[in-house]
Amino acid sequence: MATSTSSSTTSHTTRAADADRERIVERLHAAAVEGRLRPDELDARLEAALSASTYLELDRVVADLPAQAAATGPARRPPELGAFAATSILLLAIWALTGMGYFWPVWPILGWGLFVVPGALTGGRVRACRRSA
């Protein structure tokens, strides 16, 4: 079932805004890139989307397309990973400039890394452990 462009509290007869039409246009372009729409279909649907005045008309344009993925942009690393990498490099530079004796940066890098790296690898999602009864 296609995802509705309107929220559950918005009626299909409610007038659509320019931002709503632009969202549908982006979704149609994405579908064309995926090979779901031929160029002639894309043109017809773009015209229908840009001339739509209600949510019902917009929903009809994308009714047979699968629901759009939640994240449409490129994957971005968590900001903690950047701070962790920058601090690790700084600690290594300090260690190198002070004579490269005992490798003390391992402790702050390892300690902080145990918390930052697993979250970065899972995209910030941590799975809770469950015990079966």
N, C-alpha and C. Protein backbone atom coordinates (compact mmCIF):
# COMPACT_ATOMS: atom_id res chain seq x y z
N MET A 1 0.85 -1.18 0.00
CA MET A 1 0.00 0.00 0.00
C MET A 1 0.89 1.23 0.00
N ALA A 2 0.60 2.20 -0.80
CA ALA A 2 1.42 3.41 -0.90
C ALA A 2 1.18 4.28 0.31
N THR A 3 2.23 4.97 0.71
CA THR A 3 2.14 5.87 1.84
C THR A 3 1.42 7.13 1.42
N SER A 4 0.50 7.58 2.21
CA SER A 4 -0.27 8.77 1.90
C SER A 4 0.60 10.01 2.09
N THR A 5 0.36 11.02 1.26
CA THR A 5 1.10 12.27 1.41
C THR A 5 0.57 13.09 2.57
N SER A 6 -0.63 12.80 3.01
CA SER A 6 -1.22 13.56 4.09
C SER A 6 -1.08 12.81 5.40
N SER A 7 -1.11 13.54 6.48
CA SER A 7 -1.05 12.89 7.78
C SER A 7 -2.41 12.30 8.09
N SER A 8 -2.48 11.51 9.15
CA SER A 8 -3.73 10.84 9.49
C SER A 8 -4.82 11.83 9.89
N THR A 9 -4.45 13.04 10.30
CA THR A 9 -5.44 14.02 10.71
C THR A 9 -5.86 14.93 9.57
N THR A 10 -5.22 14.82 8.40
CA THR A 10 -5.53 15.69 7.27
C THR A 10 -6.48 14.98 6.33
N SER A 11 -7.53 15.65 5.95
CA SER A 11 -8.51 15.10 5.03
C SER A 11 -7.95 15.10 3.61
N HIS A 12 -8.38 14.13 2.79
CA HIS A 12 -7.95 14.08 1.40
C HIS A 12 -8.45 15.27 0.61
N THR A 13 -9.48 15.95 1.11
CA THR A 13 -10.01 17.11 0.40
C THR A 13 -9.28 18.39 0.77
N THR A 14 -8.35 18.30 1.71
CA THR A 14 -7.57 19.47 2.10
C THR A 14 -6.65 19.87 0.95
N ARG A 15 -6.52 21.14 0.75
CA ARG A 15 -5.69 21.65 -0.34
C ARG A 15 -4.22 21.40 -0.04
N ALA A 16 -3.49 20.99 -1.04
CA ALA A 16 -2.06 20.70 -0.92
C ALA A 16 -1.25 21.97 -1.09
N ALA A 17 -0.12 22.02 -0.43
CA ALA A 17 0.78 23.17 -0.53
C ALA A 17 1.86 22.88 -1.58
N ASP A 18 2.59 23.93 -1.93
CA ASP A 18 3.69 23.76 -2.89
C ASP A 18 4.71 22.74 -2.39
N ALA A 19 4.99 22.74 -1.08
CA ALA A 19 5.95 21.80 -0.50
C ALA A 19 5.48 20.36 -0.67
N ASP A 20 4.17 20.13 -0.56
CA ASP A 20 3.61 18.79 -0.76
C ASP A 20 3.80 18.34 -2.21
N ARG A 21 3.54 19.25 -3.15
CA ARG A 21 3.72 18.91 -4.55
C ARG A 21 5.19 18.64 -4.85
N GLU A 22 6.09 19.41 -4.26
CA GLU A 22 7.53 19.19 -4.48
C GLU A 22 7.98 17.84 -3.94
N ARG A 23 7.43 17.43 -2.79
CA ARG A 23 7.76 16.11 -2.24
C ARG A 23 7.35 15.00 -3.20
N ILE A 24 6.19 15.15 -3.81
CA ILE A 24 5.71 14.15 -4.76
C ILE A 24 6.58 14.15 -6.02
N VAL A 25 6.98 15.33 -6.47
CA VAL A 25 7.86 15.43 -7.64
C VAL A 25 9.18 14.71 -7.37
N GLU A 26 9.76 14.93 -6.18
CA GLU A 26 11.00 14.24 -5.81
C GLU A 26 10.80 12.72 -5.78
N ARG A 27 9.67 12.30 -5.26
CA ARG A 27 9.37 10.87 -5.19
C ARG A 27 9.23 10.27 -6.59
N LEU A 28 8.60 11.02 -7.50
CA LEU A 28 8.46 10.55 -8.87
C LEU A 28 9.82 10.44 -9.57
N HIS A 29 10.68 11.44 -9.34
CA HIS A 29 12.03 11.38 -9.93
C HIS A 29 12.79 10.18 -9.39
N ALA A 30 12.67 9.91 -8.10
CA ALA A 30 13.35 8.75 -7.51
C ALA A 30 12.83 7.46 -8.11
N ALA A 31 11.52 7.38 -8.33
CA ALA A 31 10.94 6.17 -8.93
C ALA A 31 11.43 5.99 -10.36
N ALA A 32 11.59 7.08 -11.09
CA ALA A 32 12.09 6.99 -12.46
C ALA A 32 13.54 6.52 -12.48
N VAL A 33 14.34 7.02 -11.54
CA VAL A 33 15.74 6.60 -11.44
C VAL A 33 15.83 5.11 -11.11
N GLU A 34 14.91 4.62 -10.29
CA GLU A 34 14.88 3.20 -9.93
C GLU A 34 14.37 2.33 -11.07
N GLY A 35 13.83 2.94 -12.13
CA GLY A 35 13.31 2.19 -13.26
C GLY A 35 11.85 1.81 -13.11
N ARG A 36 11.16 2.42 -12.19
CA ARG A 36 9.75 2.09 -11.97
C ARG A 36 8.82 2.84 -12.93
N LEU A 37 9.30 3.95 -13.49
CA LEU A 37 8.49 4.74 -14.41
C LEU A 37 9.24 4.98 -15.71
N ARG A 38 8.52 4.84 -16.82
CA ARG A 38 9.10 5.18 -18.12
C ARG A 38 9.09 6.70 -18.26
N PRO A 39 9.89 7.25 -19.16
CA PRO A 39 9.92 8.71 -19.32
C PRO A 39 8.55 9.32 -19.63
N ASP A 40 7.75 8.67 -20.45
CA ASP A 40 6.43 9.22 -20.77
C ASP A 40 5.50 9.19 -19.55
N GLU A 41 5.62 8.13 -18.74
CA GLU A 41 4.83 8.06 -17.50
C GLU A 41 5.26 9.15 -16.52
N LEU A 42 6.57 9.35 -16.44
CA LEU A 42 7.10 10.38 -15.54
C LEU A 42 6.55 11.75 -15.93
N ASP A 43 6.59 12.07 -17.22
CA ASP A 43 6.08 13.36 -17.67
C ASP A 43 4.61 13.56 -17.32
N ALA A 44 3.81 12.53 -17.56
CA ALA A 44 2.38 12.63 -17.27
C ALA A 44 2.13 12.81 -15.77
N ARG A 45 2.87 12.05 -14.97
CA ARG A 45 2.66 12.14 -13.51
C ARG A 45 3.18 13.46 -12.95
N LEU A 46 4.28 13.95 -13.51
CA LEU A 46 4.79 15.26 -13.05
C LEU A 46 3.77 16.35 -13.34
N GLU A 47 3.18 16.30 -14.51
CA GLU A 47 2.16 17.29 -14.85
C GLU A 47 0.96 17.19 -13.91
N ALA A 48 0.55 15.95 -13.61
CA ALA A 48 -0.58 15.75 -12.70
C ALA A 48 -0.24 16.23 -11.29
N ALA A 49 0.99 15.94 -10.84
CA ALA A 49 1.40 16.35 -9.48
C ALA A 49 1.47 17.87 -9.36
N LEU A 50 2.03 18.51 -10.36
CA LEU A 50 2.19 19.96 -10.29
C LEU A 50 0.87 20.70 -10.44
N SER A 51 -0.13 20.05 -11.04
CA SER A 51 -1.43 20.69 -11.17
C SER A 51 -2.42 20.25 -10.09
N ALA A 52 -2.02 19.34 -9.22
CA ALA A 52 -2.91 18.85 -8.16
C ALA A 52 -3.20 19.96 -7.16
N SER A 53 -4.44 19.96 -6.68
CA SER A 53 -4.78 20.97 -5.69
C SER A 53 -5.13 20.37 -4.33
N THR A 54 -5.40 19.05 -4.27
CA THR A 54 -5.73 18.42 -3.00
C THR A 54 -4.80 17.22 -2.75
N TYR A 55 -4.82 16.77 -1.50
CA TYR A 55 -4.02 15.60 -1.15
C TYR A 55 -4.51 14.36 -1.88
N LEU A 56 -5.80 14.27 -2.12
CA LEU A 56 -6.35 13.12 -2.84
C LEU A 56 -5.75 13.03 -4.25
N GLU A 57 -5.66 14.15 -4.92
CA GLU A 57 -5.08 14.16 -6.27
C GLU A 57 -3.60 13.76 -6.23
N LEU A 58 -2.88 14.23 -5.20
CA LEU A 58 -1.47 13.86 -5.07
C LEU A 58 -1.32 12.37 -4.77
N ASP A 59 -2.19 11.84 -3.92
CA ASP A 59 -2.13 10.42 -3.58
C ASP A 59 -2.36 9.54 -4.80
N ARG A 60 -3.24 9.98 -5.68
CA ARG A 60 -3.53 9.21 -6.89
C ARG A 60 -2.30 9.12 -7.80
N VAL A 61 -1.46 10.15 -7.80
CA VAL A 61 -0.28 10.18 -8.66
C VAL A 61 0.74 9.11 -8.25
N VAL A 62 0.82 8.82 -6.95
CA VAL A 62 1.84 7.87 -6.46
C VAL A 62 1.22 6.61 -5.85
N ALA A 63 -0.06 6.38 -6.10
CA ALA A 63 -0.76 5.27 -5.45
C ALA A 63 -0.16 3.91 -5.77
N ASP A 64 0.37 3.71 -6.96
CA ASP A 64 0.91 2.39 -7.33
C ASP A 64 2.41 2.27 -7.11
N LEU A 65 3.02 3.28 -6.50
CA LEU A 65 4.45 3.22 -6.20
C LEU A 65 4.67 2.74 -4.77
N PRO A 66 5.76 2.00 -4.53
CA PRO A 66 6.02 1.56 -3.15
C PRO A 66 6.33 2.74 -2.25
N ALA A 67 6.15 2.51 -0.96
CA ALA A 67 6.42 3.56 0.02
C ALA A 67 7.87 4.00 -0.09
N GLN A 68 8.07 5.28 0.08
CA GLN A 68 9.41 5.84 -0.02
C GLN A 68 10.22 5.50 1.21
N ALA A 69 11.51 5.23 1.02
CA ALA A 69 12.39 4.93 2.14
C ALA A 69 12.51 6.15 3.04
N ALA A 70 12.71 5.92 4.33
CA ALA A 70 12.79 7.02 5.29
C ALA A 70 14.00 7.91 5.05
N ALA A 71 15.15 7.34 4.80
CA ALA A 71 16.33 8.12 4.56
C ALA A 71 16.65 8.18 3.10
N THR A 72 16.50 9.41 2.52
CA THR A 72 16.76 9.52 1.11
C THR A 72 18.14 10.08 0.81
N GLY A 73 18.75 10.71 1.78
CA GLY A 73 20.06 11.30 1.58
C GLY A 73 21.17 10.30 1.79
N PRO A 74 22.39 10.71 1.49
CA PRO A 74 23.52 9.81 1.72
C PRO A 74 23.71 9.54 3.20
N ALA A 75 24.21 8.37 3.51
CA ALA A 75 24.44 8.00 4.91
C ALA A 75 25.51 8.91 5.50
N ARG A 76 25.23 9.42 6.67
CA ARG A 76 26.19 10.30 7.33
C ARG A 76 26.68 9.64 8.59
N ARG A 77 27.96 9.80 8.87
CA ARG A 77 28.51 9.20 10.08
C ARG A 77 28.07 10.03 11.28
N PRO A 78 27.93 9.39 12.42
CA PRO A 78 27.56 10.12 13.63
C PRO A 78 28.63 11.14 13.99
N PRO A 79 28.26 12.29 14.53
CA PRO A 79 29.25 13.31 14.86
C PRO A 79 30.25 12.84 15.90
N GLU A 80 29.87 11.88 16.75
CA GLU A 80 30.80 11.39 17.77
C GLU A 80 32.01 10.71 17.12
N LEU A 81 31.80 10.07 15.99
CA LEU A 81 32.89 9.38 15.31
C LEU A 81 33.93 10.38 14.82
N GLY A 82 33.50 11.51 14.30
CA GLY A 82 34.43 12.54 13.86
C GLY A 82 35.23 13.12 15.01
N ALA A 83 34.57 13.37 16.12
CA ALA A 83 35.27 13.90 17.30
C ALA A 83 36.24 12.87 17.85
N PHE A 84 35.83 11.61 17.84
CA PHE A 84 36.70 10.53 18.30
C PHE A 84 37.94 10.43 17.44
N ALA A 85 37.78 10.48 16.12
CA ALA A 85 38.92 10.38 15.20
C ALA A 85 39.84 11.58 15.36
N ALA A 86 39.29 12.79 15.47
CA ALA A 86 40.12 13.98 15.62
C ALA A 86 40.91 13.95 16.92
N THR A 87 40.25 13.54 18.00
CA THR A 87 40.94 13.47 19.29
C THR A 87 42.01 12.39 19.27
N SER A 88 41.73 11.28 18.64
CA SER A 88 42.73 10.20 18.55
C SER A 88 43.97 10.67 17.80
N ILE A 89 43.76 11.38 16.71
CA ILE A 89 44.89 11.91 15.93
C ILE A 89 45.67 12.92 16.76
N LEU A 90 44.98 13.76 17.49
CA LEU A 90 45.65 14.74 18.35
C LEU A 90 46.48 14.04 19.42
N LEU A 91 45.94 13.01 20.05
CA LEU A 91 46.69 12.27 21.07
C LEU A 91 47.92 11.59 20.47
N LEU A 92 47.78 11.03 19.27
CA LEU A 92 48.93 10.41 18.61
C LEU A 92 49.99 11.44 18.26
N ALA A 93 49.56 12.64 17.85
CA ALA A 93 50.52 13.70 17.54
C ALA A 93 51.27 14.14 18.80
N ILE A 94 50.56 14.29 19.91
CA ILE A 94 51.21 14.66 21.18
C ILE A 94 52.21 13.59 21.59
N TRP A 95 51.81 12.34 21.47
CA TRP A 95 52.70 11.23 21.81
C TRP A 95 53.96 11.25 20.94
N ALA A 96 53.78 11.49 19.64
CA ALA A 96 54.92 11.51 18.72
C ALA A 96 55.83 12.69 19.00
N LEU A 97 55.28 13.84 19.34
CA LEU A 97 56.08 15.04 19.60
C LEU A 97 56.80 15.00 20.94
N THR A 98 56.35 14.15 21.84
CA THR A 98 56.97 14.08 23.17
C THR A 98 57.95 12.93 23.31
N GLY A 99 58.37 12.35 22.21
CA GLY A 99 59.44 11.37 22.29
C GLY A 99 59.06 9.94 21.99
N MET A 100 57.80 9.66 21.77
CA MET A 100 57.34 8.32 21.39
C MET A 100 57.82 7.23 22.36
N GLY A 101 57.70 7.49 23.65
CA GLY A 101 58.04 6.48 24.65
C GLY A 101 56.90 5.50 24.81
N TYR A 102 56.50 5.30 26.05
CA TYR A 102 55.38 4.41 26.34
C TYR A 102 54.15 4.88 25.57
N PHE A 103 53.45 3.98 24.94
CA PHE A 103 52.30 4.33 24.09
C PHE A 103 51.05 4.54 24.95
N TRP A 104 51.02 5.65 25.67
CA TRP A 104 49.91 5.96 26.55
C TRP A 104 48.62 6.32 25.83
N PRO A 105 48.63 6.82 24.55
CA PRO A 105 47.35 7.15 23.91
C PRO A 105 46.41 5.96 23.75
N VAL A 106 46.93 4.75 23.89
CA VAL A 106 46.07 3.58 23.73
C VAL A 106 44.93 3.59 24.74
N TRP A 107 45.17 4.09 25.94
CA TRP A 107 44.14 4.03 26.99
C TRP A 107 42.97 4.96 26.74
N PRO A 108 43.19 6.25 26.46
CA PRO A 108 42.01 7.08 26.16
C PRO A 108 41.34 6.69 24.83
N ILE A 109 42.15 6.30 23.83
CA ILE A 109 41.57 5.90 22.55
C ILE A 109 40.73 4.64 22.73
N LEU A 110 41.25 3.66 23.43
CA LEU A 110 40.53 2.41 23.65
C LEU A 110 39.30 2.64 24.52
N GLY A 111 39.46 3.42 25.59
CA GLY A 111 38.32 3.67 26.49
C GLY A 111 37.17 4.36 25.79
N TRP A 112 37.49 5.41 25.02
CA TRP A 112 36.44 6.15 24.32
C TRP A 112 35.91 5.32 23.14
N GLY A 113 36.82 4.62 22.47
CA GLY A 113 36.44 3.83 21.30
C GLY A 113 35.46 2.72 21.61
N LEU A 114 35.53 2.17 22.82
CA LEU A 114 34.59 1.11 23.19
C LEU A 114 33.14 1.59 23.18
N PHE A 115 32.94 2.88 23.36
CA PHE A 115 31.59 3.43 23.36
C PHE A 115 31.20 4.02 22.02
N VAL A 116 32.15 4.59 21.29
CA VAL A 116 31.84 5.29 20.05
C VAL A 116 31.75 4.36 18.85
N VAL A 117 32.71 3.48 18.70
CA VAL A 117 32.79 2.65 17.49
C VAL A 117 31.59 1.71 17.33
N PRO A 118 31.14 0.99 18.37
CA PRO A 118 29.96 0.13 18.16
C PRO A 118 28.72 0.91 17.71
N GLY A 119 28.52 2.09 18.26
CA GLY A 119 27.38 2.92 17.85
C GLY A 119 27.52 3.38 16.42
N ALA A 120 28.75 3.69 15.99
CA ALA A 120 28.97 4.13 14.61
C ALA A 120 28.75 2.98 13.64
N LEU A 121 29.13 1.78 14.03
CA LEU A 121 28.98 0.63 13.14
C LEU A 121 27.53 0.22 12.96
N THR A 122 26.71 0.45 13.98
CA THR A 122 25.30 0.07 13.90
C THR A 122 24.41 1.25 13.53
N GLY A 123 25.01 2.39 13.21
CA GLY A 123 24.22 3.57 12.85
C GLY A 123 23.51 4.19 14.03
N GLY A 124 24.04 4.00 15.23
CA GLY A 124 23.44 4.57 16.42
C GLY A 124 22.37 3.70 17.04
N ARG A 125 22.08 2.58 16.40
CA ARG A 125 21.06 1.68 16.93
C ARG A 125 21.74 0.63 17.79
N VAL A 126 21.32 0.54 19.02
CA VAL A 126 21.87 -0.45 19.93
C VAL A 126 20.77 -1.45 20.23
N ARG A 127 21.09 -2.70 20.04
CA ARG A 127 20.10 -3.75 20.27
C ARG A 127 20.11 -4.16 21.73
N ALA A 128 18.98 -4.15 22.36
CA ALA A 128 18.89 -4.56 23.75
C ALA A 128 18.94 -6.08 23.84
N CYS A 129 19.62 -6.54 24.86
CA CYS A 129 19.69 -7.99 25.09
C CYS A 129 18.42 -8.42 25.80
N ARG A 130 17.83 -9.49 25.32
CA ARG A 130 16.61 -10.00 25.96
C ARG A 130 16.85 -11.44 26.38
N ARG A 131 16.39 -11.73 27.53
CA ARG A 131 16.48 -13.10 28.03
C ARG A 131 15.15 -13.77 27.80
N SER A 132 15.16 -14.92 27.15
CA SER A 132 13.89 -15.61 26.91
C SER A 132 13.46 -16.33 28.18
N ALA A 133 12.17 -16.27 28.44
CA ALA A 133 11.64 -16.87 29.67
C ALA A 133 11.23 -18.29 29.44
